[in-house]
């Protein structure tokens, strides 16, 4: 049998990895249209107060009212049971879903 010649192995080339540049994220700016104060209608003012406030603050005040008066359904948390003040806002409906509520409330914001 013939002897096999030992082949010289070449050392692997070292590659220099360049540091990956991270994309610099710009800080999100608040949408000025969402921060604009809106005025509640007289019906909504009974629940959230008469002072103009941003739309998000109006929603927060409405949820505070709902939780304070325990108007949220105990089993199905997405349903809101209306008291006399909310029935006027909800167009006479006894209960609405929280998603429908935002649509109905938007009619009472100027």
N, C-alpha and C. Protein backbone atom coordinates (compact mmCIF):
# COMPACT_ATOMS: atom_id res chain seq x y z
N UNK A 1 0.81 -1.18 0.00
CA UNK A 1 0.00 0.00 0.00
C UNK A 1 0.85 1.25 0.00
N UNK A 2 0.35 2.20 -0.69
CA UNK A 2 1.08 3.46 -0.81
C UNK A 2 0.74 4.35 0.36
N UNK A 3 1.73 5.07 0.78
CA UNK A 3 1.52 6.00 1.89
C UNK A 3 0.81 7.24 1.39
N UNK A 4 -0.11 7.68 2.20
CA UNK A 4 -0.81 8.92 1.85
C UNK A 4 0.04 10.08 2.29
N UNK A 5 0.09 11.04 1.43
CA UNK A 5 0.84 12.24 1.78
C UNK A 5 -0.02 13.10 2.70
N UNK A 6 0.59 13.60 3.69
CA UNK A 6 -0.10 14.51 4.60
C UNK A 6 -0.25 15.84 3.89
N UNK A 7 -1.46 16.30 3.80
CA UNK A 7 -1.68 17.59 3.15
C UNK A 7 -1.61 18.67 4.21
N UNK A 8 -1.00 19.70 3.81
CA UNK A 8 -0.91 20.83 4.74
C UNK A 8 -2.25 21.57 4.74
N UNK A 9 -2.78 21.73 5.91
CA UNK A 9 -4.03 22.47 5.99
C UNK A 9 -3.72 23.94 6.17
N UNK A 10 -4.47 24.72 5.48
CA UNK A 10 -4.27 26.16 5.58
C UNK A 10 -5.04 26.66 6.79
N UNK A 11 -4.45 27.54 7.55
CA UNK A 11 -5.20 28.08 8.69
C UNK A 11 -6.37 28.92 8.18
N UNK A 12 -7.47 28.83 8.88
CA UNK A 12 -8.66 29.58 8.49
C UNK A 12 -8.39 31.06 8.61
N UNK A 13 -8.89 31.78 7.64
CA UNK A 13 -8.71 33.23 7.69
C UNK A 13 -9.59 33.80 8.77
N UNK A 14 -9.03 34.66 9.52
CA UNK A 14 -9.81 35.33 10.57
C UNK A 14 -10.53 36.51 9.93
N UNK A 15 -11.82 36.52 10.15
CA UNK A 15 -12.58 37.64 9.63
C UNK A 15 -12.92 38.57 10.77
N UNK A 16 -12.76 39.79 10.51
CA UNK A 16 -13.08 40.80 11.51
C UNK A 16 -14.54 41.17 11.33
N UNK A 17 -15.32 40.90 12.38
CA UNK A 17 -16.73 41.25 12.31
C UNK A 17 -16.90 42.71 12.67
N UNK A 18 -17.60 43.38 11.81
CA UNK A 18 -17.88 44.79 12.10
C UNK A 18 -19.05 44.85 13.05
N UNK A 19 -18.96 45.75 13.97
CA UNK A 19 -20.05 45.92 14.93
C UNK A 19 -21.29 46.37 14.17
N UNK A 20 -22.37 45.67 14.41
CA UNK A 20 -23.62 46.03 13.74
C UNK A 20 -24.11 47.36 14.29
N UNK A 21 -24.42 48.23 13.38
CA UNK A 21 -24.90 49.54 13.81
C UNK A 21 -26.36 49.41 14.20
N UNK A 22 -26.66 49.85 15.38
CA UNK A 22 -28.04 49.81 15.84
C UNK A 22 -28.76 51.04 15.32
N UNK A 23 -29.95 50.80 14.85
CA UNK A 23 -30.75 51.92 14.38
C UNK A 23 -31.17 52.75 15.58
N UNK A 24 -30.91 54.00 15.51
CA UNK A 24 -31.26 54.89 16.60
C UNK A 24 -32.75 55.18 16.50
N UNK A 25 -33.46 54.77 17.55
CA UNK A 25 -34.90 55.01 17.55
C UNK A 25 -35.18 56.42 18.04
N UNK A 26 -36.00 57.08 17.28
CA UNK A 26 -36.40 58.42 17.70
C UNK A 26 -37.50 58.29 18.73
N UNK A 27 -37.47 59.16 19.70
CA UNK A 27 -38.51 59.14 20.72
C UNK A 27 -39.82 59.58 20.08
N UNK A 28 -40.88 58.81 20.37
CA UNK A 28 -42.19 59.14 19.80
C UNK A 28 -42.71 60.44 20.38
N UNK A 29 -43.21 61.24 19.49
CA UNK A 29 -43.83 62.48 19.93
C UNK A 29 -45.32 62.25 20.08
N UNK A 30 -45.90 62.89 21.05
CA UNK A 30 -47.35 62.79 21.25
C UNK A 30 -48.06 63.46 20.08
N UNK A 31 -49.11 62.85 19.64
CA UNK A 31 -49.90 63.41 18.54
C UNK A 31 -50.64 64.63 19.08
N UNK A 32 -50.37 65.81 18.54
CA UNK A 32 -51.02 67.02 19.08
C UNK A 32 -52.54 66.99 18.96
N UNK A 33 -53.07 66.26 17.97
CA UNK A 33 -54.52 66.20 17.82
C UNK A 33 -55.16 65.45 18.98
N UNK A 34 -54.44 64.46 19.53
CA UNK A 34 -54.97 63.69 20.66
C UNK A 34 -54.85 64.46 21.98
N UNK A 35 -53.96 65.42 22.02
CA UNK A 35 -53.76 66.20 23.24
C UNK A 35 -54.63 67.45 23.27
N UNK A 36 -55.32 67.71 22.18
CA UNK A 36 -56.17 68.89 22.07
C UNK A 36 -57.37 68.76 23.01
N UNK A 37 -57.61 69.76 23.83
CA UNK A 37 -58.77 69.68 24.74
C UNK A 37 -60.08 69.66 23.96
N UNK A 38 -60.98 68.80 24.39
CA UNK A 38 -62.31 68.73 23.80
C UNK A 38 -63.33 69.06 24.87
N UNK A 39 -64.48 69.54 24.44
CA UNK A 39 -65.53 69.95 25.38
C UNK A 39 -66.63 68.90 25.41
N UNK A 40 -67.00 68.42 26.60
CA UNK A 40 -68.08 67.43 26.68
C UNK A 40 -69.44 68.10 26.50
N UNK A 41 -70.40 67.34 26.00
CA UNK A 41 -71.77 67.86 25.90
C UNK A 41 -72.35 67.97 27.30
N UNK A 42 -73.50 68.59 27.42
CA UNK A 42 -74.11 68.77 28.75
C UNK A 42 -74.44 67.42 29.39
N UNK A 43 -74.83 66.42 28.58
CA UNK A 43 -75.13 65.09 29.11
C UNK A 43 -73.86 64.40 29.62
N UNK A 44 -72.78 64.51 28.86
CA UNK A 44 -71.52 63.88 29.26
C UNK A 44 -70.87 64.62 30.41
N UNK A 45 -71.10 65.93 30.49
CA UNK A 45 -70.52 66.75 31.56
C UNK A 45 -71.02 66.31 32.93
N UNK A 46 -72.21 65.74 33.01
CA UNK A 46 -72.73 65.24 34.28
C UNK A 46 -71.84 64.12 34.81
N UNK A 47 -71.26 63.34 33.91
CA UNK A 47 -70.44 62.19 34.29
C UNK A 47 -68.96 62.56 34.44
N UNK A 48 -68.39 63.28 33.48
CA UNK A 48 -66.95 63.54 33.47
C UNK A 48 -66.57 64.94 33.92
N UNK A 49 -67.51 65.80 34.11
CA UNK A 49 -67.21 67.18 34.51
C UNK A 49 -67.28 68.11 33.32
N UNK A 50 -67.53 69.40 33.57
CA UNK A 50 -67.75 70.34 32.47
C UNK A 50 -66.48 70.90 31.83
N UNK A 51 -65.33 70.72 32.47
CA UNK A 51 -64.10 71.33 31.95
C UNK A 51 -63.58 70.61 30.71
N UNK A 52 -63.08 71.37 29.73
CA UNK A 52 -62.47 70.74 28.55
C UNK A 52 -61.21 69.97 28.96
N UNK A 53 -60.98 68.83 28.32
CA UNK A 53 -59.83 67.99 28.60
C UNK A 53 -59.52 67.16 27.35
N UNK A 54 -58.30 66.62 27.24
CA UNK A 54 -57.99 65.75 26.10
C UNK A 54 -58.89 64.51 26.08
N UNK A 55 -59.06 63.95 24.91
CA UNK A 55 -59.94 62.79 24.72
C UNK A 55 -59.57 61.63 25.64
N UNK A 56 -58.30 61.37 25.82
CA UNK A 56 -57.85 60.29 26.70
C UNK A 56 -58.27 60.52 28.14
N UNK A 57 -58.20 61.78 28.56
CA UNK A 57 -58.60 62.13 29.93
C UNK A 57 -60.11 61.96 30.11
N UNK A 58 -60.87 62.27 29.07
CA UNK A 58 -62.33 62.08 29.13
C UNK A 58 -62.66 60.60 29.32
N UNK A 59 -61.97 59.75 28.56
CA UNK A 59 -62.19 58.31 28.66
C UNK A 59 -61.81 57.81 30.05
N UNK A 60 -60.71 58.32 30.58
CA UNK A 60 -60.27 57.92 31.92
C UNK A 60 -61.31 58.31 32.97
N UNK A 61 -61.82 59.52 32.87
CA UNK A 61 -62.84 59.97 33.82
C UNK A 61 -64.11 59.13 33.71
N UNK A 62 -64.48 58.75 32.50
CA UNK A 62 -65.66 57.92 32.28
C UNK A 62 -65.47 56.54 32.93
N UNK A 63 -64.28 55.95 32.76
CA UNK A 63 -64.00 54.66 33.39
C UNK A 63 -63.97 54.78 34.91
N UNK A 64 -63.46 55.89 35.42
CA UNK A 64 -63.48 56.10 36.88
C UNK A 64 -64.92 56.11 37.39
N UNK A 65 -65.81 56.77 36.66
CA UNK A 65 -67.23 56.83 37.02
C UNK A 65 -67.85 55.43 36.99
N UNK A 66 -67.53 54.66 35.94
CA UNK A 66 -68.08 53.31 35.79
C UNK A 66 -67.62 52.41 36.94
N UNK A 67 -66.35 52.49 37.28
CA UNK A 67 -65.82 51.64 38.36
C UNK A 67 -66.31 52.09 39.73
N UNK A 68 -66.40 53.40 39.93
CA UNK A 68 -66.87 53.93 41.21
C UNK A 68 -68.30 53.49 41.49
N UNK A 69 -69.14 53.48 40.46
CA UNK A 69 -70.55 53.11 40.61
C UNK A 69 -70.82 51.63 40.32
N UNK A 70 -69.75 50.86 40.12
CA UNK A 70 -69.83 49.40 39.88
C UNK A 70 -70.80 49.07 38.74
N UNK A 71 -70.58 49.71 37.60
CA UNK A 71 -71.46 49.52 36.45
C UNK A 71 -70.92 48.49 35.45
N UNK A 72 -69.71 47.99 35.70
CA UNK A 72 -69.12 46.98 34.82
C UNK A 72 -69.66 45.61 35.21
N UNK A 73 -70.03 44.80 34.22
CA UNK A 73 -70.56 43.47 34.48
C UNK A 73 -69.50 42.63 35.21
N UNK A 74 -69.93 41.89 36.22
CA UNK A 74 -68.99 41.12 37.03
C UNK A 74 -68.45 39.90 36.29
N UNK A 75 -69.25 39.32 35.41
CA UNK A 75 -68.84 38.12 34.67
C UNK A 75 -68.17 38.50 33.35
N UNK A 76 -68.87 39.26 32.54
CA UNK A 76 -68.35 39.68 31.24
C UNK A 76 -67.89 41.13 31.36
N UNK A 77 -66.60 41.31 31.62
CA UNK A 77 -66.05 42.63 31.95
C UNK A 77 -66.15 43.64 30.80
N UNK A 78 -66.41 43.18 29.59
CA UNK A 78 -66.50 44.12 28.47
C UNK A 78 -67.85 44.82 28.40
N UNK A 79 -68.81 44.37 29.20
CA UNK A 79 -70.15 44.96 29.17
C UNK A 79 -70.30 46.01 30.28
N UNK A 80 -70.92 47.12 29.93
CA UNK A 80 -71.17 48.21 30.86
C UNK A 80 -72.69 48.34 31.03
N UNK A 81 -73.15 48.32 32.28
CA UNK A 81 -74.58 48.51 32.58
C UNK A 81 -74.79 49.99 32.86
N UNK A 82 -75.69 50.60 32.15
CA UNK A 82 -75.90 52.05 32.25
C UNK A 82 -76.83 52.40 33.40
N UNK A 83 -76.43 53.45 34.15
CA UNK A 83 -77.36 54.04 35.12
C UNK A 83 -78.09 55.16 34.38
N UNK A 84 -78.85 55.96 35.10
CA UNK A 84 -79.65 57.01 34.43
C UNK A 84 -78.78 58.00 33.66
N UNK A 85 -77.63 58.39 34.24
CA UNK A 85 -76.75 59.35 33.56
C UNK A 85 -76.18 58.76 32.27
N UNK A 86 -75.76 57.50 32.32
CA UNK A 86 -75.16 56.89 31.14
C UNK A 86 -76.20 56.50 30.09
N UNK A 87 -77.43 56.21 30.50
CA UNK A 87 -78.48 55.89 29.52
C UNK A 87 -78.69 57.04 28.55
N UNK A 88 -78.62 58.26 29.07
CA UNK A 88 -78.79 59.43 28.22
C UNK A 88 -77.66 59.51 27.19
N UNK A 89 -76.45 59.15 27.60
CA UNK A 89 -75.30 59.19 26.69
C UNK A 89 -75.35 58.03 25.70
N UNK A 90 -75.79 56.86 26.17
CA UNK A 90 -75.82 55.65 25.34
C UNK A 90 -77.07 55.55 24.48
N UNK A 91 -77.86 56.59 24.42
CA UNK A 91 -79.05 56.58 23.57
C UNK A 91 -80.16 55.70 24.10
N UNK A 92 -80.29 55.61 25.42
CA UNK A 92 -81.37 54.84 26.03
C UNK A 92 -81.08 53.36 26.22
N UNK A 93 -79.90 52.88 25.81
CA UNK A 93 -79.56 51.46 25.95
C UNK A 93 -79.25 51.14 27.40
N UNK A 94 -79.69 49.96 27.86
CA UNK A 94 -79.44 49.54 29.24
C UNK A 94 -78.01 49.07 29.45
N UNK A 95 -77.44 48.40 28.45
CA UNK A 95 -76.04 47.97 28.55
C UNK A 95 -75.40 48.00 27.17
N UNK A 96 -74.11 48.30 27.15
CA UNK A 96 -73.34 48.36 25.91
C UNK A 96 -71.97 47.73 26.16
N UNK A 97 -71.30 47.33 25.09
CA UNK A 97 -69.94 46.82 25.24
C UNK A 97 -69.00 48.02 25.35
N UNK A 98 -67.84 47.79 25.90
CA UNK A 98 -66.89 48.90 26.07
C UNK A 98 -66.45 49.47 24.72
N UNK A 99 -66.49 48.65 23.69
CA UNK A 99 -66.09 49.11 22.36
C UNK A 99 -67.18 50.00 21.75
N UNK A 100 -68.42 49.64 21.98
CA UNK A 100 -69.54 50.45 21.50
C UNK A 100 -69.62 51.74 22.31
N UNK A 101 -69.23 51.67 23.57
CA UNK A 101 -69.28 52.83 24.45
C UNK A 101 -68.44 53.98 23.88
N UNK A 102 -67.23 53.68 23.41
CA UNK A 102 -66.37 54.74 22.88
C UNK A 102 -67.01 55.41 21.67
N UNK A 103 -67.69 54.63 20.84
CA UNK A 103 -68.38 55.18 19.67
C UNK A 103 -69.52 56.10 20.10
N UNK A 104 -70.29 55.66 21.10
CA UNK A 104 -71.43 56.45 21.56
C UNK A 104 -70.97 57.73 22.28
N UNK A 105 -69.88 57.64 23.02
CA UNK A 105 -69.38 58.81 23.75
C UNK A 105 -68.80 59.84 22.79
N UNK A 106 -68.21 59.39 21.68
CA UNK A 106 -67.61 60.34 20.74
C UNK A 106 -68.63 61.31 20.16
N UNK A 107 -69.90 60.93 20.16
CA UNK A 107 -70.96 61.84 19.68
C UNK A 107 -71.19 62.99 20.65
N UNK A 108 -70.76 62.83 21.89
CA UNK A 108 -70.98 63.84 22.92
C UNK A 108 -69.74 64.69 23.20
N UNK A 109 -68.75 64.59 22.32
CA UNK A 109 -67.52 65.38 22.48
C UNK A 109 -67.42 66.35 21.32
N UNK A 110 -67.17 67.62 21.65
CA UNK A 110 -67.06 68.66 20.61
C UNK A 110 -65.62 69.08 20.46
